[in-house]
């Protein structure tokens, strides 16, 4: 992970908006998370802006009786340095990872 993160990251994630809102602050650890329910600002040391996150519910994916929620997630990292953008994405990926096996 030596290259700078993309400045705007788009994802589809298998979370409800309530689940996403519960996980986000823990994923960011000591950084400040403000906002909700569909838009958040993440700030780092000295309240420096790092990211703006927006979510939008999409239709659930249905496989037989199984329904999987889907969120469109947009992460704007244009305010962050390359170092902070990469650290943000590391925290985000680790915090929202769902194990399986």
PDB file of N, CA and C in Angstrom:
ATOM      1  N   UNK A   1       0.839  -1.181   0.000  1.00  0.00           N
ATOM      2  CA  UNK A   1       0.000   0.000   0.000  1.00  0.00           C
ATOM      3  C   UNK A   1       0.884   1.245   0.000  1.00  0.00           C
ATOM      4  N   UNK A   2       1.736   1.391  -0.973  1.00  0.00           N
ATOM      5  CA  UNK A   2       2.631   2.530  -1.062  1.00  0.00           C
ATOM      6  C   UNK A   2       2.089   3.648  -1.935  1.00  0.00           C
ATOM      7  N   UNK A   3       1.046   3.391  -2.706  1.00  0.00           N
ATOM      8  CA  UNK A   3       0.478   4.404  -3.583  1.00  0.00           C
ATOM      9  C   UNK A   3      -0.601   5.180  -2.842  1.00  0.00           C
ATOM     10  N   UNK A   4      -0.767   6.463  -3.174  1.00  0.00           N
ATOM     11  CA  UNK A   4      -1.831   7.237  -2.533  1.00  0.00           C
ATOM     12  C   UNK A   4      -3.202   6.661  -2.857  1.00  0.00           C
ATOM     13  N   UNK A   5      -4.107   6.790  -1.907  1.00  0.00           N
ATOM     14  CA  UNK A   5      -5.479   6.313  -2.115  1.00  0.00           C
ATOM     15  C   UNK A   5      -6.174   7.193  -3.153  1.00  0.00           C
ATOM     16  N   UNK A   6      -7.160   6.624  -3.838  1.00  0.00           N
ATOM     17  CA  UNK A   6      -7.974   7.413  -4.767  1.00  0.00           C
ATOM     18  C   UNK A   6      -8.661   8.527  -3.983  1.00  0.00           C
ATOM     19  N   UNK A   7      -8.911   9.640  -4.610  1.00  0.00           N
ATOM     20  CA  UNK A   7      -9.487  10.783  -3.907  1.00  0.00           C
ATOM     21  C   UNK A   7     -10.981  10.659  -3.657  1.00  0.00           C
ATOM     22  N   UNK A   8     -11.699   9.945  -4.502  1.00  0.00           N
ATOM     23  CA  UNK A   8     -13.109   9.639  -4.255  1.00  0.00           C
ATOM     24  C   UNK A   8     -13.268   8.140  -4.465  1.00  0.00           C
ATOM     25  N   UNK A   9     -13.713   7.467  -3.413  1.00  0.00           N
ATOM     26  CA  UNK A   9     -13.859   6.010  -3.440  1.00  0.00           C
ATOM     27  C   UNK A   9     -15.346   5.684  -3.394  1.00  0.00           C
ATOM     28  N   UNK A  10     -15.790   4.846  -4.307  1.00  0.00           N
ATOM     29  CA  UNK A  10     -17.193   4.411  -4.355  1.00  0.00           C
ATOM     30  C   UNK A  10     -17.245   2.922  -4.038  1.00  0.00           C
ATOM     31  N   UNK A  11     -18.158   2.528  -3.145  1.00  0.00           N
ATOM     32  CA  UNK A  11     -18.307   1.125  -2.766  1.00  0.00           C
ATOM     33  C   UNK A  11     -19.775   0.767  -2.649  1.00  0.00           C
ATOM     34  N   UNK A  12     -20.077  -0.507  -2.850  1.00  0.00           N
ATOM     35  CA  UNK A  12     -21.368  -1.071  -2.451  1.00  0.00           C
ATOM     36  C   UNK A  12     -21.059  -2.019  -1.313  1.00  0.00           C
ATOM     37  N   UNK A  13     -21.763  -1.836  -0.196  1.00  0.00           N
ATOM     38  CA  UNK A  13     -21.466  -2.607   1.005  1.00  0.00           C
ATOM     39  C   UNK A  13     -22.722  -3.283   1.527  1.00  0.00           C
ATOM     40  N   UNK A  14     -22.564  -4.467   2.080  1.00  0.00           N
ATOM     41  CA  UNK A  14     -23.672  -5.245   2.623  1.00  0.00           C
ATOM     42  C   UNK A  14     -23.989  -4.867   4.060  1.00  0.00           C
ATOM     43  N   UNK A  15     -24.394  -3.636   4.263  1.00  0.00           N
ATOM     44  CA  UNK A  15     -24.751  -3.107   5.578  1.00  0.00           C
ATOM     45  C   UNK A  15     -26.063  -2.344   5.471  1.00  0.00           C
ATOM     46  N   UNK A  16     -26.818  -2.297   6.568  1.00  0.00           N
ATOM     47  CA  UNK A  16     -27.925  -1.346   6.655  1.00  0.00           C
ATOM     48  C   UNK A  16     -27.327  -0.007   7.084  1.00  0.00           C
ATOM     49  N   UNK A  17     -28.078   1.059   6.938  1.00  0.00           N
ATOM     50  CA  UNK A  17     -27.562   2.365   7.361  1.00  0.00           C
ATOM     51  C   UNK A  17     -27.333   2.398   8.874  1.00  0.00           C
ATOM     52  N   UNK A  18     -28.164   1.703   9.631  1.00  0.00           N
ATOM     53  CA  UNK A  18     -28.000   1.637  11.087  1.00  0.00           C
ATOM     54  C   UNK A  18     -26.713   0.912  11.455  1.00  0.00           C
ATOM     55  N   UNK A  19     -26.445  -0.216  10.797  1.00  0.00           N
ATOM     56  CA  UNK A  19     -25.202  -0.954  11.053  1.00  0.00           C
ATOM     57  C   UNK A  19     -23.982  -0.105  10.690  1.00  0.00           C
ATOM     58  N   UNK A  20     -24.044   0.553   9.540  1.00  0.00           N
ATOM     59  CA  UNK A  20     -22.929   1.386   9.088  1.00  0.00           C
ATOM     60  C   UNK A  20     -22.633   2.478  10.113  1.00  0.00           C
ATOM     61  N   UNK A  21     -23.682   3.164  10.574  1.00  0.00           N
ATOM     62  CA  UNK A  21     -23.520   4.251  11.541  1.00  0.00           C
ATOM     63  C   UNK A  21     -22.935   3.759  12.860  1.00  0.00           C
ATOM     64  N   UNK A  22     -23.221   2.520  13.236  1.00  0.00           N
ATOM     65  CA  UNK A  22     -22.689   1.960  14.478  1.00  0.00           C
ATOM     66  C   UNK A  22     -21.214   1.583  14.345  1.00  0.00           C
ATOM     67  N   UNK A  23     -20.805   1.105  13.180  1.00  0.00           N
ATOM     68  CA  UNK A  23     -19.431   0.637  12.973  1.00  0.00           C
ATOM     69  C   UNK A  23     -18.466   1.798  12.712  1.00  0.00           C
ATOM     70  N   UNK A  24     -18.917   2.831  12.014  1.00  0.00           N
ATOM     71  CA  UNK A  24     -18.020   3.905  11.571  1.00  0.00           C
ATOM     72  C   UNK A  24     -17.186   4.537  12.693  1.00  0.00           C
ATOM     73  N   UNK A  25     -17.760   4.981  13.810  1.00  0.00           N
ATOM     74  CA  UNK A  25     -16.926   5.612  14.844  1.00  0.00           C
ATOM     75  C   UNK A  25     -15.854   4.675  15.400  1.00  0.00           C
ATOM     76  N   UNK A  26     -16.190   3.416  15.599  1.00  0.00           N
ATOM     77  CA  UNK A  26     -15.203   2.459  16.108  1.00  0.00           C
ATOM     78  C   UNK A  26     -14.085   2.234  15.096  1.00  0.00           C
ATOM     79  N   UNK A  27     -14.432   2.210  13.815  1.00  0.00           N
ATOM     80  CA  UNK A  27     -13.429   2.001  12.768  1.00  0.00           C
ATOM     81  C   UNK A  27     -12.435   3.159  12.715  1.00  0.00           C
ATOM     82  N   UNK A  28     -12.893   4.353  13.027  1.00  0.00           N
ATOM     83  CA  UNK A  28     -12.026   5.537  12.949  1.00  0.00           C
ATOM     84  C   UNK A  28     -11.198   5.741  14.213  1.00  0.00           C
ATOM     85  N   UNK A  29     -11.465   4.932  15.233  1.00  0.00           N
ATOM     86  CA  UNK A  29     -10.729   4.948  16.493  1.00  0.00           C
ATOM     87  C   UNK A  29     -10.658   6.342  17.113  1.00  0.00           C
ATOM     88  N   UNK A  30      -9.485   6.968  17.154  1.00  0.00           N
ATOM     89  CA  UNK A  30      -9.331   8.243  17.860  1.00  0.00           C
ATOM     90  C   UNK A  30      -9.657   9.464  17.005  1.00  0.00           C
ATOM     91  N   UNK A  31     -10.071   9.269  15.770  1.00  0.00           N
ATOM     92  CA  UNK A  31     -10.472  10.398  14.924  1.00  0.00           C
ATOM     93  C   UNK A  31     -11.925  10.758  15.221  1.00  0.00           C
ATOM     94  N   UNK A  32     -12.283  12.006  15.001  1.00  0.00           N
ATOM     95  CA  UNK A  32     -13.629  12.502  15.266  1.00  0.00           C
ATOM     96  C   UNK A  32     -14.553  12.204  14.090  1.00  0.00           C
ATOM     97  N   UNK A  33     -15.725  11.641  14.401  1.00  0.00           N
ATOM     98  CA  UNK A  33     -16.751  11.369  13.391  1.00  0.00           C
ATOM     99  C   UNK A  33     -17.971  12.200  13.768  1.00  0.00           C
ATOM    100  N   UNK A  34     -18.416  13.064  12.852  1.00  0.00           N
ATOM    101  CA  UNK A  34     -19.571  13.926  13.118  1.00  0.00           C
ATOM    102  C   UNK A  34     -20.555  13.811  11.965  1.00  0.00           C
ATOM    103  N   UNK A  35     -21.846  13.886  12.298  1.00  0.00           N
ATOM    104  CA  UNK A  35     -22.874  13.879  11.262  1.00  0.00           C
ATOM    105  C   UNK A  35     -23.811  12.707  11.393  1.00  0.00           C
ATOM    106  N   UNK A  36     -24.366  12.303  10.255  1.00  0.00           N
ATOM    107  CA  UNK A  36     -25.330  11.232  10.182  1.00  0.00           C
ATOM    108  C   UNK A  36     -26.694  11.815   9.857  1.00  0.00           C
ATOM    109  N   UNK A  37     -27.679  11.088   9.495  1.00  0.00           N
ATOM    110  CA  UNK A  37     -27.686   9.634   9.316  1.00  0.00           C
ATOM    111  C   UNK A  37     -27.189   9.167   7.948  1.00  0.00           C
ATOM    112  N   UNK A  38     -26.949  10.091   7.006  1.00  0.00           N
ATOM    113  CA  UNK A  38     -26.494   9.632   5.691  1.00  0.00           C
ATOM    114  C   UNK A  38     -25.219  10.338   5.222  1.00  0.00           C
ATOM    115  N   UNK A  39     -24.692  11.237   6.051  1.00  0.00           N
ATOM    116  CA  UNK A  39     -23.461  11.961   5.682  1.00  0.00           C
ATOM    117  C   UNK A  39     -22.638  12.231   6.945  1.00  0.00           C
ATOM    118  N   UNK A  40     -21.342  11.923   6.872  1.00  0.00           N
ATOM    119  CA  UNK A  40     -20.447  12.125   8.005  1.00  0.00           C
ATOM    120  C   UNK A  40     -19.189  12.842   7.560  1.00  0.00           C
ATOM    121  N   UNK A  41     -18.589  13.558   8.513  1.00  0.00           N
ATOM    122  CA  UNK A  41     -17.284  14.190   8.323  1.00  0.00           C
ATOM    123  C   UNK A  41     -16.333  13.528   9.308  1.00  0.00           C
ATOM    124  N   UNK A  42     -15.181  13.082   8.818  1.00  0.00           N
ATOM    125  CA  UNK A  42     -14.158  12.493   9.676  1.00  0.00           C
ATOM    126  C   UNK A  42     -13.002  13.480   9.755  1.00  0.00           C
ATOM    127  N   UNK A  43     -12.596  13.793  10.990  1.00  0.00           N
ATOM    128  CA  UNK A  43     -11.493  14.728  11.220  1.00  0.00           C
ATOM    129  C   UNK A  43     -10.430  14.042  12.053  1.00  0.00           C
ATOM    130  N   UNK A  44      -9.197  14.414  11.796  1.00  0.00           N
ATOM    131  CA  UNK A  44      -8.067  13.812  12.492  1.00  0.00           C
ATOM    132  C   UNK A  44      -7.458  14.769  13.486  1.00  0.00           C
ATOM    133  N   UNK A  45      -6.143  14.637  13.664  1.00  0.00           N
ATOM    134  CA  UNK A  45      -5.438  15.500  14.611  1.00  0.00           C
ATOM    135  C   UNK A  45      -5.697  16.981  14.317  1.00  0.00           C
ATOM    136  N   UNK A  46      -5.861  17.753  15.384  1.00  0.00           N
ATOM    137  CA  UNK A  46      -6.126  19.199  15.287  1.00  0.00           C
ATOM    138  C   UNK A  46      -7.358  19.509  14.443  1.00  0.00           C
ATOM    139  N   UNK A  47      -8.326  18.588  14.448  1.00  0.00           N
ATOM    140  CA  UNK A  47      -9.600  18.749  13.730  1.00  0.00           C
ATOM    141  C   UNK A  47      -9.423  18.972  12.230  1.00  0.00           C
ATOM    142  N   UNK A  48      -8.345  18.445  11.682  1.00  0.00           N
ATOM    143  CA  UNK A  48      -8.086  18.545  10.242  1.00  0.00           C
ATOM    144  C   UNK A  48      -9.027  17.598   9.498  1.00  0.00           C
ATOM    145  N   UNK A  49      -9.764  18.134   8.507  1.00  0.00           N
ATOM    146  CA  UNK A  49     -10.704  17.316   7.726  1.00  0.00           C
ATOM    147  C   UNK A  49      -9.947  16.235   6.964  1.00  0.00           C
ATOM    148  N   UNK A  50     -10.460  15.014   7.038  1.00  0.00           N
ATOM    149  CA  UNK A  50      -9.856  13.891   6.325  1.00  0.00           C
ATOM    150  C   UNK A  50     -10.796  13.378   5.252  1.00  0.00           C
ATOM    151  N   UNK A  51     -12.058  13.140   5.620  1.00  0.00           N
ATOM    152  CA  UNK A  51     -12.982  12.515   4.665  1.00  0.00           C
ATOM    153  C   UNK A  51     -14.414  12.966   4.906  1.00  0.00           C
ATOM    154  N   UNK A  52     -15.174  12.966   3.825  1.00  0.00           N
ATOM    155  CA  UNK A  52     -16.621  13.120   3.882  1.00  0.00           C
ATOM    156  C   UNK A  52     -17.209  11.833   3.327  1.00  0.00           C
ATOM    157  N   UNK A  53     -18.119  11.232   4.084  1.00  0.00           N
ATOM    158  CA  UNK A  53     -18.720   9.955   3.698  1.00  0.00           C
ATOM    159  C   UNK A  53     -20.212  10.164   3.502  1.00  0.00           C
ATOM    160  N   UNK A  54     -20.731   9.679   2.390  1.00  0.00           N
ATOM    161  CA  UNK A  54     -22.168   9.718   2.125  1.00  0.00           C
ATOM    162  C   UNK A  54     -22.638   8.310   1.797  1.00  0.00           C
ATOM    163  N   UNK A  55     -23.821   7.954   2.327  1.00  0.00           N
ATOM    164  CA  UNK A  55     -24.395   6.637   2.034  1.00  0.00           C
ATOM    165  C   UNK A  55     -25.797   6.802   1.464  1.00  0.00           C
ATOM    166  N   UNK A  56     -26.187   5.804   0.681  1.00  0.00           N
ATOM    167  CA  UNK A  56     -27.536   5.782   0.095  1.00  0.00           C
ATOM    168  C   UNK A  56     -27.959   4.318   0.007  1.00  0.00           C
ATOM    169  N   UNK A  57     -29.135   4.000   0.539  1.00  0.00           N
ATOM    170  CA  UNK A  57     -29.640   2.626   0.485  1.00  0.00           C
ATOM    171  C   UNK A  57     -30.011   2.262  -0.947  1.00  0.00           C
ATOM    172  N   UNK A  58     -29.602   1.076  -1.358  1.00  0.00           N
ATOM    173  CA  UNK A  58     -29.957   0.511  -2.658  1.00  0.00           C
ATOM    174  C   UNK A  58     -30.889  -0.670  -2.418  1.00  0.00           C
ATOM    175  N   UNK A  59     -31.561  -1.159  -3.451  1.00  0.00           N
ATOM    176  CA  UNK A  59     -32.409  -2.341  -3.262  1.00  0.00           C
ATOM    177  C   UNK A  59     -31.589  -3.528  -2.738  1.00  0.00           C
ATOM    178  N   UNK A  60     -32.201  -4.280  -1.836  1.00  0.00           N
ATOM    179  CA  UNK A  60     -31.533  -5.458  -1.274  1.00  0.00           C
ATOM    180  C   UNK A  60     -31.266  -6.480  -2.370  1.00  0.00           C
ATOM    181  N   UNK A  61     -30.202  -7.242  -2.181  1.00  0.00           N
ATOM    182  CA  UNK A  61     -29.926  -8.361  -3.077  1.00  0.00           C
ATOM    183  C   UNK A  61     -30.666  -9.565  -2.504  1.00  0.00           C
ATOM    184  N   UNK A  62     -31.394 -10.261  -3.363  1.00  0.00           N
ATOM    185  CA  UNK A  62     -32.232 -11.370  -2.917  1.00  0.00           C
ATOM    186  C   UNK A  62     -31.770 -12.653  -3.590  1.00  0.00           C
ATOM    187  N   UNK A  63     -31.494 -13.644  -2.758  1.00  0.00           N
ATOM    188  CA  UNK A  63     -31.135 -14.978  -3.239  1.00  0.00           C
ATOM    189  C   UNK A  63     -32.052 -15.948  -2.501  1.00  0.00           C
ATOM    190  N   UNK A  64     -33.091 -16.402  -3.163  1.00  0.00           N
ATOM    191  CA  UNK A  64     -34.081 -17.247  -2.493  1.00  0.00           C
ATOM    192  C   UNK A  64     -34.706 -16.478  -1.348  1.00  0.00           C
ATOM    193  N   UNK A  65     -34.649 -17.052  -0.147  1.00  0.00           N
ATOM    194  CA  UNK A  65     -35.209 -16.398   1.034  1.00  0.00           C
ATOM    195  C   UNK A  65     -34.221 -15.428   1.684  1.00  0.00           C
ATOM    196  N   UNK A  66     -32.996 -15.391   1.196  1.00  0.00           N
ATOM    197  CA  UNK A  66     -31.956 -14.534   1.768  1.00  0.00           C
ATOM    198  C   UNK A  66     -32.016 -13.133   1.164  1.00  0.00           C
ATOM    199  N   UNK A  67     -32.040 -12.122   2.039  1.00  0.00           N
ATOM    200  CA  UNK A  67     -32.029 -10.721   1.598  1.00  0.00           C
ATOM    201  C   UNK A  67     -30.797 -10.050   2.197  1.00  0.00           C
ATOM    202  N   UNK A  68     -29.966  -9.472   1.342  1.00  0.00           N
ATOM    203  CA  UNK A  68     -28.749  -8.809   1.794  1.00  0.00           C
ATOM    204  C   UNK A  68     -28.896  -7.308   1.548  1.00  0.00           C
ATOM    205  N   UNK A  69     -28.788  -6.498   2.614  1.00  0.00           N
ATOM    206  CA  UNK A  69     -28.903  -5.049   2.422  1.00  0.00           C
ATOM    207  C   UNK A  69     -27.720  -4.539   1.599  1.00  0.00           C
ATOM    208  N   UNK A  70     -27.942  -3.442   0.881  1.00  0.00           N
ATOM    209  CA  UNK A  70     -26.870  -2.848   0.075  1.00  0.00           C
ATOM    210  C   UNK A  70     -26.871  -1.335   0.287  1.00  0.00           C
ATOM    211  N   UNK A  71     -25.692  -0.812   0.598  1.00  0.00           N
ATOM    212  CA  UNK A  71     -25.500   0.632   0.705  1.00  0.00           C
ATOM    213  C   UNK A  71     -24.512   1.086  -0.355  1.00  0.00           C
ATOM    214  N   UNK A  72     -24.841   2.160  -1.046  1.00  0.00           N
ATOM    215  CA  UNK A  72     -23.860   2.836  -1.895  1.00  0.00           C
ATOM    216  C   UNK A  72     -23.107   3.785  -0.971  1.00  0.00           C
ATOM    217  N   UNK A  73     -21.791   3.646  -0.918  1.00  0.00           N
ATOM    218  CA  UNK A  73     -20.959   4.452  -0.031  1.00  0.00           C
ATOM    219  C   UNK A  73     -19.986   5.261  -0.880  1.00  0.00           C
ATOM    220  N   UNK A  74     -19.975   6.560  -0.671  1.00  0.00           N
ATOM    221  CA  UNK A  74     -19.046   7.449  -1.366  1.00  0.00           C
ATOM    222  C   UNK A  74     -18.148   8.102  -0.324  1.00  0.00           C
ATOM    223  N   UNK A  75     -16.838   7.973  -0.511  1.00  0.00           N
ATOM    224  CA  UNK A  75     -15.862   8.534   0.419  1.00  0.00           C
ATOM    225  C   UNK A  75     -15.034   9.568  -0.339  1.00  0.00           C
ATOM    226  N   UNK A  76     -15.124  10.811   0.081  1.00  0.00           N
ATOM    227  CA  UNK A  76     -14.375  11.902  -0.547  1.00  0.00           C
ATOM    228  C   UNK A  76     -13.155  12.209   0.316  1.00  0.00           C
ATOM    229  N   UNK A  77     -11.980  11.933  -0.227  1.00  0.00           N
ATOM    230  CA  UNK A  77     -10.721  12.124   0.495  1.00  0.00           C
ATOM    231  C   UNK A  77      -9.922  13.312  -0.040  1.00  0.00           C
ATOM    232  N   UNK A  78     -10.548  14.181  -0.798  1.00  0.00           N
ATOM    233  CA  UNK A  78      -9.808  15.275  -1.442  1.00  0.00           C
ATOM    234  C   UNK A  78      -9.192  16.261  -0.456  1.00  0.00           C
ATOM    235  N   UNK A  79      -9.714  16.334   0.759  1.00  0.00           N
ATOM    236  CA  UNK A  79      -9.164  17.268   1.749  1.00  0.00           C
ATOM    237  C   UNK A  79      -7.945  16.697   2.472  1.00  0.00           C
ATOM    238  N   UNK A  80      -7.670  15.415   2.307  1.00  0.00           N
ATOM    239  CA  UNK A  80      -6.616  14.739   3.065  1.00  0.00           C
ATOM    240  C   UNK A  80      -5.304  14.670   2.291  1.00  0.00           C
ATOM    241  N   UNK A  81      -4.206  14.661   3.030  1.00  0.00           N
ATOM    242  CA  UNK A  81      -2.904  14.386   2.421  1.00  0.00           C
ATOM    243  C   UNK A  81      -2.883  12.920   1.995  1.00  0.00           C
ATOM    244  N   UNK A  82      -1.918  12.548   1.165  1.00  0.00           N
ATOM    245  CA  UNK A  82      -1.799  11.148   0.751  1.00  0.00           C
ATOM    246  C   UNK A  82      -1.653  10.227   1.956  1.00  0.00           C
ATOM    247  N   UNK A  83      -0.856  10.642   2.928  1.00  0.00           N
ATOM    248  CA  UNK A  83      -0.625   9.819   4.122  1.00  0.00           C
ATOM    249  C   UNK A  83      -1.914   9.617   4.909  1.00  0.00           C
ATOM    250  N   UNK A  84      -2.670  10.694   5.134  1.00  0.00           N
ATOM    251  CA  UNK A  84      -3.929  10.572   5.876  1.00  0.00           C
ATOM    252  C   UNK A  84      -4.972   9.800   5.083  1.00  0.00           C
ATOM    253  N   UNK A  85      -5.008   9.978   3.766  1.00  0.00           N
ATOM    254  CA  UNK A  85      -5.963   9.231   2.939  1.00  0.00           C
ATOM    255  C   UNK A  85      -5.685   7.734   3.026  1.00  0.00           C
ATOM    256  N   UNK A  86      -4.417   7.350   2.960  1.00  0.00           N
ATOM    257  CA  UNK A  86      -4.078   5.925   3.062  1.00  0.00           C
ATOM    258  C   UNK A  86      -4.411   5.380   4.447  1.00  0.00           C
ATOM    259  N   UNK A  87      -4.151   6.155   5.494  1.00  0.00           N
ATOM    260  CA  UNK A  87      -4.481   5.707   6.851  1.00  0.00           C
ATOM    261  C   UNK A  87      -5.990   5.604   7.027  1.00  0.00           C
ATOM    262  N   UNK A  88      -6.747   6.554   6.465  1.00  0.00           N
ATOM    263  CA  UNK A  88      -8.201   6.470   6.528  1.00  0.00           C
ATOM    264  C   UNK A  88      -8.679   5.163   5.899  1.00  0.00           C
ATOM    265  N   UNK A  89      -8.215   4.866   4.688  1.00  0.00           N
ATOM    266  CA  UNK A  89      -8.669   3.659   3.999  1.00  0.00           C
ATOM    267  C   UNK A  89      -8.255   2.401   4.753  1.00  0.00           C
ATOM    268  N   UNK A  90      -7.091   2.400   5.382  1.00  0.00           N
ATOM    269  CA  UNK A  90      -6.664   1.248   6.186  1.00  0.00           C
ATOM    270  C   UNK A  90      -7.635   1.043   7.345  1.00  0.00           C
ATOM    271  N   UNK A  91      -7.970   2.108   8.050  1.00  0.00           N
ATOM    272  CA  UNK A  91      -8.910   2.010   9.174  1.00  0.00           C
ATOM    273  C   UNK A  91     -10.297   1.591   8.685  1.00  0.00           C
ATOM    274  N   UNK A  92     -10.741   2.188   7.580  1.00  0.00           N
ATOM    275  CA  UNK A  92     -12.066   1.876   7.050  1.00  0.00           C
ATOM    276  C   UNK A  92     -12.155   0.401   6.657  1.00  0.00           C
ATOM    277  N   UNK A  93     -11.182  -0.078   5.898  1.00  0.00           N
ATOM    278  CA  UNK A  93     -11.196  -1.481   5.449  1.00  0.00           C
ATOM    279  C   UNK A  93     -11.146  -2.442   6.630  1.00  0.00           C
ATOM    280  N   UNK A  94     -10.306  -2.163   7.595  1.00  0.00           N
ATOM    281  CA  UNK A  94     -10.198  -3.043   8.760  1.00  0.00           C
ATOM    282  C   UNK A  94     -11.476  -3.004   9.602  1.00  0.00           C
ATOM    283  N   UNK A  95     -12.029  -1.818   9.801  1.00  0.00           N
ATOM    284  CA  UNK A  95     -13.220  -1.668  10.631  1.00  0.00           C
ATOM    285  C   UNK A  95     -14.462  -2.302  10.039  1.00  0.00           C
ATOM    286  N   UNK A  96     -14.576  -2.276   8.710  1.00  0.00           N
ATOM    287  CA  UNK A  96     -15.776  -2.795   8.058  1.00  0.00           C
ATOM    288  C   UNK A  96     -15.599  -4.200   7.494  1.00  0.00           C
ATOM    289  N   UNK A  97     -14.432  -4.802   7.692  1.00  0.00           N
ATOM    290  CA  UNK A  97     -14.204  -6.162   7.194  1.00  0.00           C
ATOM    291  C   UNK A  97     -15.112  -7.146   7.926  1.00  0.00           C
ATOM    292  N   UNK A  98     -15.762  -7.990   7.152  1.00  0.00           N
ATOM    293  CA  UNK A  98     -16.572  -9.063   7.737  1.00  0.00           C
ATOM    294  C   UNK A  98     -15.894 -10.373   7.395  1.00  0.00           C
ATOM    295  N   UNK A  99     -15.502 -11.082   8.406  1.00  0.00           N
ATOM    296  CA  UNK A  99     -14.818 -12.355   8.194  1.00  0.00           C
ATOM    297  C   UNK A  99     -15.775 -13.439   7.741  1.00  0.00           C
ATOM    298  N   UNK A 100     -15.227 -14.451   7.193  1.00  0.00           N
ATOM    299  CA  UNK A 100     -16.029 -15.587   6.739  1.00  0.00           C
ATOM    300  C   UNK A 100     -15.129 -16.799   6.626  1.00  0.00           C
ATOM    301  N   UNK A 101     -15.716 -17.865   6.197  1.00  0.00           N
ATOM    302  CA  UNK A 101     -14.848 -19.019   6.026  1.00  0.00           C
ATOM    303  C   UNK A 101     -15.583 -20.308   6.110  1.00  0.00           C
TER     304      UNK A 101
END
